[in-house]
Amino acid sequence: MAAEGVVVTGVEDLAARLGFQPGDIVLGVNGRPIATPDDVARAAGERTNRWAVDLLRQGQTVRLRFRL
């Protein structure tokens, strides 16, 4: 299965506690599509405390939801 997104290559500290895993492909953040690492950086800079991250993990779509 091909997907457009950004591959998670390493997971430390907070990202691991939030549920990210190496090999996850980030497809979207808060409803915005993610295609490049710059897209991830822009999304991470949003002023919000509620997050919904859509991932492709082992062929399955997963949504992580959390508040920071």
PDB file of N, CA and C in Angstrom:
ATOM      1  N   MET A   1       0.842  -1.173   0.000  1.00  0.00           N
ATOM      2  CA  MET A   1       0.000   0.000   0.000  1.00  0.00           C
ATOM      3  C   MET A   1       0.890   1.240   0.000  1.00  0.00           C
ATOM      4  N   ALA A   2       0.698   2.139  -0.920  1.00  0.00           N
ATOM      5  CA  ALA A   2       1.445   3.384  -0.983  1.00  0.00           C
ATOM      6  C   ALA A   2       0.671   4.471  -0.260  1.00  0.00           C
ATOM      7  N   ALA A   3       1.411   5.363   0.390  1.00  0.00           N
ATOM      8  CA  ALA A   3       0.771   6.456   1.110  1.00  0.00           C
ATOM      9  C   ALA A   3       1.636   7.694   1.002  1.00  0.00           C
ATOM     10  N   GLU A   4       1.002   8.842   0.965  1.00  0.00           N
ATOM     11  CA  GLU A   4       1.742  10.094   1.007  1.00  0.00           C
ATOM     12  C   GLU A   4       1.684  10.614   2.422  1.00  0.00           C
ATOM     13  N   GLY A   5       2.836  10.892   2.972  1.00  0.00           N
ATOM     14  CA  GLY A   5       2.920  11.378   4.337  1.00  0.00           C
ATOM     15  C   GLY A   5       4.365  11.437   4.748  1.00  0.00           C
ATOM     16  N   VAL A   6       4.597  11.470   6.029  1.00  0.00           N
ATOM     17  CA  VAL A   6       5.941  11.555   6.584  1.00  0.00           C
ATOM     18  C   VAL A   6       6.156  10.370   7.510  1.00  0.00           C
ATOM     19  N   VAL A   7       7.247   9.649   7.280  1.00  0.00           N
ATOM     20  CA  VAL A   7       7.550   8.459   8.067  1.00  0.00           C
ATOM     21  C   VAL A   7       8.207   8.858   9.384  1.00  0.00           C
ATOM     22  N   VAL A   8       7.722   8.265  10.462  1.00  0.00           N
ATOM     23  CA  VAL A   8       8.326   8.447  11.781  1.00  0.00           C
ATOM     24  C   VAL A   8       9.518   7.501  11.857  1.00  0.00           C
ATOM     25  N   THR A   9      10.719   8.068  12.023  1.00  0.00           N
ATOM     26  CA  THR A   9      11.914   7.223  12.039  1.00  0.00           C
ATOM     27  C   THR A   9      12.420   6.946  13.442  1.00  0.00           C
ATOM     28  N   GLY A  10      12.133   7.818  14.362  1.00  0.00           N
ATOM     29  CA  GLY A  10      12.567   7.617  15.739  1.00  0.00           C
ATOM     30  C   GLY A  10      11.530   8.181  16.687  1.00  0.00           C
ATOM     31  N   VAL A  11      11.414   7.562  17.844  1.00  0.00           N
ATOM     32  CA  VAL A  11      10.418   8.000  18.827  1.00  0.00           C
ATOM     33  C   VAL A  11      11.099   8.067  20.184  1.00  0.00           C
ATOM     34  N   GLU A  12      11.018   9.236  20.801  1.00  0.00           N
ATOM     35  CA  GLU A  12      11.600   9.420  22.127  1.00  0.00           C
ATOM     36  C   GLU A  12      10.595  10.095  23.044  1.00  0.00           C
ATOM     37  N   ASP A  13      10.780   9.919  24.310  1.00  0.00           N
ATOM     38  CA  ASP A  13      10.084  10.639  25.369  1.00  0.00           C
ATOM     39  C   ASP A  13       8.602  10.879  25.103  1.00  0.00           C
ATOM     40  N   LEU A  14       8.229  12.137  24.873  1.00  0.00           N
ATOM     41  CA  LEU A  14       6.825  12.518  24.748  1.00  0.00           C
ATOM     42  C   LEU A  14       6.148  11.797  23.588  1.00  0.00           C
ATOM     43  N   ALA A  15       6.802  11.727  22.436  1.00  0.00           N
ATOM     44  CA  ALA A  15       6.200  11.061  21.276  1.00  0.00           C
ATOM     45  C   ALA A  15       5.889   9.599  21.588  1.00  0.00           C
ATOM     46  N   ALA A  16       6.778   8.928  22.286  1.00  0.00           N
ATOM     47  CA  ALA A  16       6.542   7.529  22.656  1.00  0.00           C
ATOM     48  C   ALA A  16       5.360   7.425  23.617  1.00  0.00           C
ATOM     49  N   ARG A  17       5.284   8.323  24.590  1.00  0.00           N
ATOM     50  CA  ARG A  17       4.163   8.289  25.543  1.00  0.00           C
ATOM     51  C   ARG A  17       2.831   8.583  24.865  1.00  0.00           C
ATOM     52  N   LEU A  18       2.863   9.375  23.777  1.00  0.00           N
ATOM     53  CA  LEU A  18       1.628   9.701  23.063  1.00  0.00           C
ATOM     54  C   LEU A  18       1.179   8.584  22.125  1.00  0.00           C
ATOM     55  N   GLY A  19       2.044   7.605  21.873  1.00  0.00           N
ATOM     56  CA  GLY A  19       1.639   6.458  21.078  1.00  0.00           C
ATOM     57  C   GLY A  19       2.274   6.337  19.704  1.00  0.00           C
ATOM     58  N   PHE A  20       3.177   7.247  19.353  1.00  0.00           N
ATOM     59  CA  PHE A  20       3.848   7.140  18.061  1.00  0.00           C
ATOM     60  C   PHE A  20       4.810   5.962  18.075  1.00  0.00           C
ATOM     61  N   GLN A  21       4.978   5.329  16.915  1.00  0.00           N
ATOM     62  CA  GLN A  21       5.886   4.204  16.772  1.00  0.00           C
ATOM     63  C   GLN A  21       6.739   4.396  15.527  1.00  0.00           C
ATOM     64  N   PRO A  22       8.006   3.938  15.577  1.00  0.00           N
ATOM     65  CA  PRO A  22       8.829   4.002  14.372  1.00  0.00           C
ATOM     66  C   PRO A  22       8.131   3.263  13.228  1.00  0.00           C
ATOM     67  N   GLY A  23       8.178   3.852  12.048  1.00  0.00           N
ATOM     68  CA  GLY A  23       7.516   3.250  10.891  1.00  0.00           C
ATOM     69  C   GLY A  23       6.127   3.795  10.627  1.00  0.00           C
ATOM     70  N   ASP A  24       5.527   4.471  11.616  1.00  0.00           N
ATOM     71  CA  ASP A  24       4.238   5.131  11.376  1.00  0.00           C
ATOM     72  C   ASP A  24       4.409   6.145  10.253  1.00  0.00           C
ATOM     73  N   ILE A  25       3.374   6.320   9.453  1.00  0.00           N
ATOM     74  CA  ILE A  25       3.367   7.354   8.426  1.00  0.00           C
ATOM     75  C   ILE A  25       2.308   8.371   8.829  1.00  0.00           C
ATOM     76  N   VAL A  26       2.750   9.601   9.075  1.00  0.00           N
ATOM     77  CA  VAL A  26       1.834  10.668   9.466  1.00  0.00           C
ATOM     78  C   VAL A  26       1.116  11.159   8.209  1.00  0.00           C
ATOM     79  N   LEU A  27      -0.186  10.991   8.178  1.00  0.00           N
ATOM     80  CA  LEU A  27      -1.008  11.383   7.031  1.00  0.00           C
ATOM     81  C   LEU A  27      -1.661  12.738   7.207  1.00  0.00           C
ATOM     82  N   GLY A  28      -2.006  13.081   8.454  1.00  0.00           N
ATOM     83  CA  GLY A  28      -2.694  14.339   8.705  1.00  0.00           C
ATOM     84  C   GLY A  28      -2.593  14.736  10.156  1.00  0.00           C
ATOM     85  N   VAL A  29      -2.680  16.044  10.391  1.00  0.00           N
ATOM     86  CA  VAL A  29      -2.683  16.587  11.747  1.00  0.00           C
ATOM     87  C   VAL A  29      -3.806  17.610  11.828  1.00  0.00           C
ATOM     88  N   ASN A  30      -4.724  17.378  12.744  1.00  0.00           N
ATOM     89  CA  ASN A  30      -5.874  18.271  12.950  1.00  0.00           C
ATOM     90  C   ASN A  30      -6.598  18.579  11.641  1.00  0.00           C
ATOM     91  N   GLY A  31      -6.781  17.559  10.829  1.00  0.00           N
ATOM     92  CA  GLY A  31      -7.534  17.701   9.587  1.00  0.00           C
ATOM     93  C   GLY A  31      -6.744  18.229   8.410  1.00  0.00           C
ATOM     94  N   ARG A  32      -5.481  18.574   8.626  1.00  0.00           N
ATOM     95  CA  ARG A  32      -4.645  19.080   7.539  1.00  0.00           C
ATOM     96  C   ARG A  32      -3.781  17.951   6.998  1.00  0.00           C
ATOM     97  N   PRO A  33      -3.746  17.769   5.681  1.00  0.00           N
ATOM     98  CA  PRO A  33      -2.911  16.706   5.118  1.00  0.00           C
ATOM     99  C   PRO A  33      -1.429  17.002   5.333  1.00  0.00           C
ATOM    100  N   ILE A  34      -0.677  15.940   5.509  1.00  0.00           N
ATOM    101  CA  ILE A  34       0.768  16.033   5.710  1.00  0.00           C
ATOM    102  C   ILE A  34       1.459  15.304   4.553  1.00  0.00           C
ATOM    103  N   ALA A  35       2.350  16.023   3.859  1.00  0.00           N
ATOM    104  CA  ALA A  35       3.081  15.419   2.748  1.00  0.00           C
ATOM    105  C   ALA A  35       4.592  15.563   2.908  1.00  0.00           C
ATOM    106  N   THR A  36       5.027  16.542   3.726  1.00  0.00           N
ATOM    107  CA  THR A  36       6.458  16.804   3.874  1.00  0.00           C
ATOM    108  C   THR A  36       6.786  17.063   5.342  1.00  0.00           C
ATOM    109  N   PRO A  37       8.062  16.955   5.704  1.00  0.00           N
ATOM    110  CA  PRO A  37       8.448  17.320   7.071  1.00  0.00           C
ATOM    111  C   PRO A  37       8.101  18.773   7.404  1.00  0.00           C
ATOM    112  N   ASP A  38       8.148  19.673   6.420  1.00  0.00           N
ATOM    113  CA  ASP A  38       7.747  21.062   6.666  1.00  0.00           C
ATOM    114  C   ASP A  38       6.281  21.155   7.068  1.00  0.00           C
ATOM    115  N   ASP A  39       5.429  20.305   6.475  1.00  0.00           N
ATOM    116  CA  ASP A  39       4.011  20.275   6.866  1.00  0.00           C
ATOM    117  C   ASP A  39       3.871  19.894   8.339  1.00  0.00           C
ATOM    118  N   VAL A  40       4.687  18.936   8.779  1.00  0.00           N
ATOM    119  CA  VAL A  40       4.651  18.521  10.194  1.00  0.00           C
ATOM    120  C   VAL A  40       5.076  19.689  11.081  1.00  0.00           C
ATOM    121  N   ALA A  41       6.139  20.377  10.684  1.00  0.00           N
ATOM    122  CA  ALA A  41       6.624  21.511  11.476  1.00  0.00           C
ATOM    123  C   ALA A  41       5.571  22.605  11.572  1.00  0.00           C
ATOM    124  N   ARG A  42       4.898  22.898  10.467  1.00  0.00           N
ATOM    125  CA  ARG A  42       3.836  23.913  10.493  1.00  0.00           C
ATOM    126  C   ARG A  42       2.699  23.482  11.422  1.00  0.00           C
ATOM    127  N   ALA A  43       2.290  22.235  11.313  1.00  0.00           N
ATOM    128  CA  ALA A  43       1.201  21.737  12.158  1.00  0.00           C
ATOM    129  C   ALA A  43       1.602  21.770  13.633  1.00  0.00           C
ATOM    130  N   ALA A  44       2.847  21.413  13.928  1.00  0.00           N
ATOM    131  CA  ALA A  44       3.314  21.404  15.312  1.00  0.00           C
ATOM    132  C   ALA A  44       3.355  22.806  15.892  1.00  0.00           C
ATOM    133  N   GLY A  45       3.470  23.809  15.046  1.00  0.00           N
ATOM    134  CA  GLY A  45       3.506  25.187  15.505  1.00  0.00           C
ATOM    135  C   GLY A  45       2.141  25.802  15.744  1.00  0.00           C
ATOM    136  N   GLU A  46       1.077  25.065  15.446  1.00  0.00           N
ATOM    137  CA  GLU A  46      -0.265  25.583  15.664  1.00  0.00           C
ATOM    138  C   GLU A  46      -0.511  25.816  17.152  1.00  0.00           C
ATOM    139  N   ARG A  47      -1.284  26.824  17.431  1.00  0.00           N
ATOM    140  CA  ARG A  47      -1.636  27.107  18.820  1.00  0.00           C
ATOM    141  C   ARG A  47      -2.927  26.371  19.161  1.00  0.00           C
ATOM    142  N   THR A  48      -2.774  25.190  19.670  1.00  0.00           N
ATOM    143  CA  THR A  48      -3.919  24.388  20.088  1.00  0.00           C
ATOM    144  C   THR A  48      -3.461  23.450  21.199  1.00  0.00           C
ATOM    145  N   ASN A  49      -4.387  22.994  21.997  1.00  0.00           N
ATOM    146  CA  ASN A  49      -4.027  22.005  23.003  1.00  0.00           C
ATOM    147  C   ASN A  49      -4.690  20.660  22.717  1.00  0.00           C
ATOM    148  N   ARG A  50      -5.475  20.593  21.656  1.00  0.00           N
ATOM    149  CA  ARG A  50      -6.117  19.332  21.252  1.00  0.00           C
ATOM    150  C   ARG A  50      -5.560  18.903  19.913  1.00  0.00           C
ATOM    151  N   TRP A  51      -5.164  17.653  19.846  1.00  0.00           N
ATOM    152  CA  TRP A  51      -4.512  17.132  18.644  1.00  0.00           C
ATOM    153  C   TRP A  51      -5.196  15.857  18.177  1.00  0.00           C
ATOM    154  N   ALA A  52      -5.322  15.736  16.856  1.00  0.00           N
ATOM    155  CA  ALA A  52      -5.769  14.503  16.209  1.00  0.00           C
ATOM    156  C   ALA A  52      -4.774  14.232  15.097  1.00  0.00           C
ATOM    157  N   VAL A  53      -4.043  13.136  15.223  1.00  0.00           N
ATOM    158  CA  VAL A  53      -3.015  12.788  14.250  1.00  0.00           C
ATOM    159  C   VAL A  53      -3.433  11.496  13.569  1.00  0.00           C
ATOM    160  N   ASP A  54      -3.568  11.562  12.245  1.00  0.00           N
ATOM    161  CA  ASP A  54      -3.918  10.383  11.459  1.00  0.00           C
ATOM    162  C   ASP A  54      -2.638   9.732  10.956  1.00  0.00           C
ATOM    163  N   LEU A  55      -2.537   8.419  11.209  1.00  0.00           N
ATOM    164  CA  LEU A  55      -1.346   7.656  10.857  1.00  0.00           C
ATOM    165  C   LEU A  55      -1.718   6.445  10.023  1.00  0.00           C
ATOM    166  N   LEU A  56      -0.753   5.977   9.261  1.00  0.00           N
ATOM    167  CA  LEU A  56      -0.843   4.660   8.642  1.00  0.00           C
ATOM    168  C   LEU A  56       0.164   3.795   9.385  1.00  0.00           C
ATOM    169  N   ARG A  57      -0.345   2.734  10.011  1.00  0.00           N
ATOM    170  CA  ARG A  57       0.493   1.833  10.802  1.00  0.00           C
ATOM    171  C   ARG A  57       0.207   0.402  10.374  1.00  0.00           C
ATOM    172  N   GLN A  58       1.208  -0.217   9.787  1.00  0.00           N
ATOM    173  CA  GLN A  58       1.089  -1.610   9.351  1.00  0.00           C
ATOM    174  C   GLN A  58      -0.162  -1.825   8.501  1.00  0.00           C
ATOM    175  N   GLY A  59      -0.404  -0.891   7.575  1.00  0.00           N
ATOM    176  CA  GLY A  59      -1.516  -1.016   6.647  1.00  0.00           C
ATOM    177  C   GLY A  59      -2.865  -0.579   7.183  1.00  0.00           C
ATOM    178  N   GLN A  60      -2.912  -0.150   8.434  1.00  0.00           N
ATOM    179  CA  GLN A  60      -4.167   0.271   9.053  1.00  0.00           C
ATOM    180  C   GLN A  60      -4.110   1.763   9.376  1.00  0.00           C
ATOM    181  N   THR A  61      -5.220   2.454   9.186  1.00  0.00           N
ATOM    182  CA  THR A  61      -5.301   3.855   9.571  1.00  0.00           C
ATOM    183  C   THR A  61      -5.610   3.939  11.058  1.00  0.00           C
ATOM    184  N   VAL A  62      -4.836   4.758  11.749  1.00  0.00           N
ATOM    185  CA  VAL A  62      -4.959   4.929  13.194  1.00  0.00           C
ATOM    186  C   VAL A  62      -5.069   6.424  13.466  1.00  0.00           C
ATOM    187  N   ARG A  63      -5.918   6.810  14.397  1.00  0.00           N
ATOM    188  CA  ARG A  63      -6.001   8.209  14.818  1.00  0.00           C
ATOM    189  C   ARG A  63      -5.579   8.298  16.285  1.00  0.00           C
ATOM    190  N   LEU A  64      -4.541   9.084  16.535  1.00  0.00           N
ATOM    191  CA  LEU A  64      -4.131   9.370  17.905  1.00  0.00           C
ATOM    192  C   LEU A  64      -4.771  10.699  18.285  1.00  0.00           C
ATOM    193  N   ARG A  65      -5.395  10.737  19.446  1.00  0.00           N
ATOM    194  CA  ARG A  65      -5.982  11.975  19.962  1.00  0.00           C
ATOM    195  C   ARG A  65      -5.397  12.224  21.345  1.00  0.00           C
ATOM    196  N   PHE A  66      -5.001  13.463  21.548  1.00  0.00           N
ATOM    197  CA  PHE A  66      -4.438  13.804  22.841  1.00  0.00           C
ATOM    198  C   PHE A  66      -4.518  15.310  23.051  1.00  0.00           C
ATOM    199  N   ARG A  67      -4.336  15.695  24.324  1.00  0.00           N
ATOM    200  CA  ARG A  67      -4.302  17.119  24.682  1.00  0.00           C
ATOM    201  C   ARG A  67      -2.973  17.393  25.370  1.00  0.00           C
ATOM    202  N   LEU A  68      -2.419  18.528  25.035  1.00  0.00           N
ATOM    203  CA  LEU A  68      -1.145  18.947  25.670  1.00  0.00           C
ATOM    204  C   LEU A  68      -1.329  20.278  26.345  1.00  0.00           C
TER     205      LEU A  68
END
